Amino acid sequence: QSRSSAASDVYKRQSQDEAREAFEARRVIELGLLHQLKVVDKAALRQLKSHLQREKAALAGTDVGMRSFLLGDFHVCLAECLGNSLLADTLRDFTARTTLIAMLYQSSHDAAQSCADHVRIVEALEAGDIARAEALMSEHIGTVQSALRLQASSDPLAGLRDALAPVRKSCLLYTSDAADDRL
């Protein structure tokens, strides 16, 4: 095995370990936030529903980065709406780590499922069923983590390879020889 291949394997393992740890931390924080919750005020529910509308709009578009950001940011928004800015900041860090993975591996179908999960969580909060919201959140985090892990294990660099694939010169807008030399 070459050094670059061995280094790639180490990086992949570290990335997967970091993602697993970030999901575990998110699970502890988010379930803890919901577990201690008594009620959710109307302003917080309005803010969460507004966020869900932005998620749905992103799902209808083609910007995978925005879609992934909004799906991850739901969890930060939830912590902020529940009144814990310190945990929201902590979640922002963990969510950033998992969002990078989601951008590479989360399918459009999985993203739509995440949004649907978020809708059900907010519906449970609105109904005052905190225990159901907590159970839904636990299931949601586990589902997202499992889907990303399965896709990542098949070919973790597939998205990156596609993004970095050479572009045929006939597709380029440059026409001068000088422009071709820069490529």
Protein backbone atom coordinates (compact mmCIF):
# COMPACT_ATOMS: atom_id res chain seq x y z
CA GLN A 1 0.00 0.00 0.00
CA SER A 2 1.40 3.39 -0.98
CA ARG A 3 1.99 6.19 1.50
CA SER A 4 -0.70 8.36 -0.08
CA SER A 5 -3.20 5.51 0.08
CA ALA A 6 -2.31 4.84 3.71
CA ALA A 7 -2.60 8.55 4.51
CA SER A 8 -5.97 8.64 2.77
CA ASP A 9 -7.17 5.69 4.85
CA VAL A 10 -6.03 7.40 8.07
CA TYR A 11 -7.75 10.67 7.05
CA LYS A 12 -10.96 8.81 6.14
CA ARG A 13 -10.96 6.97 9.47
CA GLN A 14 -10.30 10.21 11.38
CA SER A 15 -13.06 12.00 9.46
CA GLN A 16 -15.50 9.18 10.15
CA ASP A 17 -14.51 9.13 13.83
CA GLU A 18 -14.93 12.91 14.06
CA ALA A 19 -18.34 12.72 12.39
CA ARG A 20 -19.44 9.93 14.74
CA GLU A 21 -18.31 11.94 17.76
CA ALA A 22 -20.04 15.08 16.48
CA PHE A 23 -23.31 13.18 16.02
CA GLU A 24 -22.98 11.65 19.50
CA ALA A 25 -22.40 15.10 21.00
CA ARG A 26 -25.37 16.52 19.09
CA ARG A 27 -27.56 13.68 20.33
CA VAL A 28 -26.62 14.35 23.98
CA ILE A 29 -27.11 18.12 23.69
CA GLU A 30 -30.32 18.12 21.68
CA LEU A 31 -32.05 15.37 23.61
CA GLY A 32 -30.99 17.06 26.85
CA LEU A 33 -32.47 20.36 25.68
CA LEU A 34 -35.76 18.71 24.80
CA HIS A 35 -35.82 16.55 27.91
CA GLN A 36 -35.66 19.54 30.27
CA LEU A 37 -38.22 21.51 28.25
CA LYS A 38 -41.63 22.28 29.74
CA VAL A 39 -43.32 24.45 27.07
CA VAL A 40 -42.41 26.21 23.84
CA ASP A 41 -43.69 29.76 23.46
CA LYS A 42 -45.53 30.95 20.37
CA ALA A 43 -42.68 33.22 19.20
CA ALA A 44 -40.27 30.28 19.22
CA LEU A 45 -42.74 28.17 17.25
CA ARG A 46 -43.14 30.95 14.67
CA GLN A 47 -39.36 31.17 14.30
CA LEU A 48 -39.05 27.40 13.90
CA LYS A 49 -41.83 27.34 11.30
CA SER A 50 -40.16 30.18 9.41
CA HIS A 51 -36.96 28.17 9.37
CA LEU A 52 -38.87 25.14 8.05
CA GLN A 53 -40.19 27.27 5.17
CA ARG A 54 -36.62 28.21 4.24
CA GLU A 55 -35.64 24.53 4.37
CA LYS A 56 -38.50 23.59 2.05
CA ALA A 57 -37.54 26.35 -0.40
CA ALA A 58 -33.94 25.14 -0.39
CA LEU A 59 -35.09 21.58 -1.06
CA ALA A 60 -36.96 22.82 -4.12
CA GLY A 61 -33.81 24.53 -5.43
CA THR A 62 -30.49 23.22 -6.63
CA ASP A 63 -28.11 24.77 -4.08
CA VAL A 64 -26.92 21.71 -2.13
CA GLY A 65 -24.75 23.87 0.14
CA MET A 66 -27.69 26.04 1.22
CA ARG A 67 -29.90 22.98 1.64
CA SER A 68 -27.31 21.28 3.84
CA PHE A 69 -26.69 24.46 5.83
CA LEU A 70 -30.39 25.02 6.55
CA LEU A 71 -31.01 21.39 7.49
CA GLY A 72 -28.12 21.55 9.95
CA ASP A 73 -29.01 25.02 11.16
CA PHE A 74 -32.47 23.80 12.20
CA HIS A 75 -30.82 22.26 15.23
CA VAL A 76 -29.04 25.49 16.13
CA CYS A 77 -32.28 27.42 15.61
CA LEU A 78 -34.09 24.98 17.90
CA ALA A 79 -31.54 25.52 20.69
CA GLU A 80 -31.81 29.30 20.25
CA CYS A 81 -35.61 29.11 20.30
CA LEU A 82 -35.47 27.08 23.48
CA GLY A 83 -33.44 29.87 25.06
CA ASN A 84 -30.00 28.34 25.38
CA SER A 85 -27.54 30.44 23.38
CA LEU A 86 -24.48 28.70 24.86
CA LEU A 87 -25.66 25.30 23.67
CA ALA A 88 -26.72 26.87 20.36
CA ASP A 89 -23.12 28.02 19.86
CA THR A 90 -21.83 24.57 20.77
CA LEU A 91 -24.30 22.95 18.39
CA ARG A 92 -23.23 25.36 15.67
CA ASP A 93 -19.73 23.86 15.82
CA PHE A 94 -20.89 20.25 15.84
CA THR A 95 -23.46 20.93 13.14
CA ALA A 96 -20.81 22.55 10.93
CA ARG A 97 -18.81 19.34 11.14
CA THR A 98 -21.75 17.13 10.23
CA THR A 99 -23.02 19.53 7.54
CA LEU A 100 -19.76 19.15 5.61
CA ILE A 101 -20.34 15.42 5.53
CA ALA A 102 -23.98 15.89 4.53
CA MET A 103 -22.95 18.12 1.61
CA LEU A 104 -20.85 15.27 0.25
CA TYR A 105 -23.09 12.30 0.95
CA GLN A 106 -26.70 13.26 1.67
CA SER A 107 -29.00 12.50 -1.24
CA SER A 108 -31.90 14.75 -2.16
CA HIS A 109 -34.25 12.06 -0.85
CA ASP A 110 -32.44 11.93 2.49
CA ALA A 111 -32.48 15.73 2.69
CA ALA A 112 -36.24 15.78 2.09
CA GLN A 113 -36.64 13.16 4.82
CA SER A 114 -34.61 15.33 7.22
CA CYS A 115 -36.89 18.27 6.52
CA ALA A 116 -39.96 16.08 7.07
CA ASP A 117 -38.45 14.93 10.38
CA HIS A 118 -37.95 18.57 11.40
CA VAL A 119 -41.59 19.31 10.57
CA ARG A 120 -42.76 16.42 12.78
CA ILE A 121 -40.53 17.57 15.64
CA VAL A 122 -41.97 21.10 15.48
CA GLU A 123 -45.52 19.69 15.26
CA ALA A 124 -44.89 17.65 18.41
CA LEU A 125 -43.54 20.75 20.18
CA GLU A 126 -46.54 22.77 19.07
CA ALA A 127 -48.86 20.07 20.42
CA GLY A 128 -47.00 20.20 23.73
CA ASP A 129 -45.84 16.61 23.34
CA ILE A 130 -42.24 17.10 24.44
CA ALA A 131 -41.63 13.36 24.94
CA ARG A 132 -42.65 12.72 21.32
CA ALA A 133 -40.43 15.57 20.09
CA GLU A 134 -37.53 14.03 22.02
CA ALA A 135 -38.19 10.57 20.55
CA LEU A 136 -38.48 12.03 17.04
CA MET A 137 -35.22 13.93 17.47
CA SER A 138 -33.41 10.80 18.64
CA GLU A 139 -34.72 8.86 15.67
CA HIS A 140 -33.87 11.71 13.28
CA ILE A 141 -30.25 12.07 14.40
CA GLY A 142 -29.76 8.32 14.23
CA THR A 143 -31.29 8.09 10.76
CA VAL A 144 -29.18 10.93 9.36
CA GLN A 145 -26.01 9.53 10.90
CA SER A 146 -26.70 6.03 9.57
CA ALA A 147 -27.50 7.24 6.06
CA LEU A 148 -24.34 9.33 5.88
CA ARG A 149 -22.18 6.53 7.26
CA LEU A 150 -23.52 4.00 4.75
CA GLN A 151 -23.01 6.33 1.82
CA ALA A 152 -19.58 7.43 3.03
CA SER A 153 -18.34 3.86 3.39
CA SER A 154 -19.10 3.04 -0.25
CA ASP A 155 -16.86 5.75 -1.77
CA PRO A 156 -16.08 8.71 0.46
CA LEU A 157 -14.37 10.66 -2.31
CA ALA A 158 -16.92 10.19 -5.10
CA GLY A 159 -18.38 13.69 -4.78
CA LEU A 160 -14.95 15.27 -4.60
CA ARG A 161 -13.77 13.28 -7.61
CA ASP A 162 -16.78 14.48 -9.62
CA ALA A 163 -16.23 18.08 -8.59
CA LEU A 164 -12.56 17.96 -9.56
CA ALA A 165 -12.99 16.04 -12.80
CA PRO A 166 -11.24 17.71 -15.75
CA VAL A 167 -13.34 19.94 -17.94
CA ARG A 168 -13.05 19.45 -21.69
CA LYS A 169 -11.58 22.44 -23.44
CA SER A 170 -14.53 22.55 -25.82
CA CYS A 171 -16.74 23.39 -22.87
CA LEU A 172 -14.65 26.35 -21.79
CA LEU A 173 -15.51 29.93 -22.56
CA TYR A 174 -11.87 30.92 -23.11
CA THR A 175 -10.91 31.23 -26.74
CA SER A 176 -7.41 32.68 -26.77
CA ASP A 177 -4.27 30.56 -26.67
CA ALA A 178 -3.15 32.53 -23.62
CA ALA A 179 -6.29 31.53 -21.76
CA ASP A 180 -5.73 27.88 -22.73
CA ASP A 181 -2.14 28.07 -21.43
CA ARG A 182 -3.40 29.23 -18.02
CA LEU A 183 -5.57 26.14 -17.72
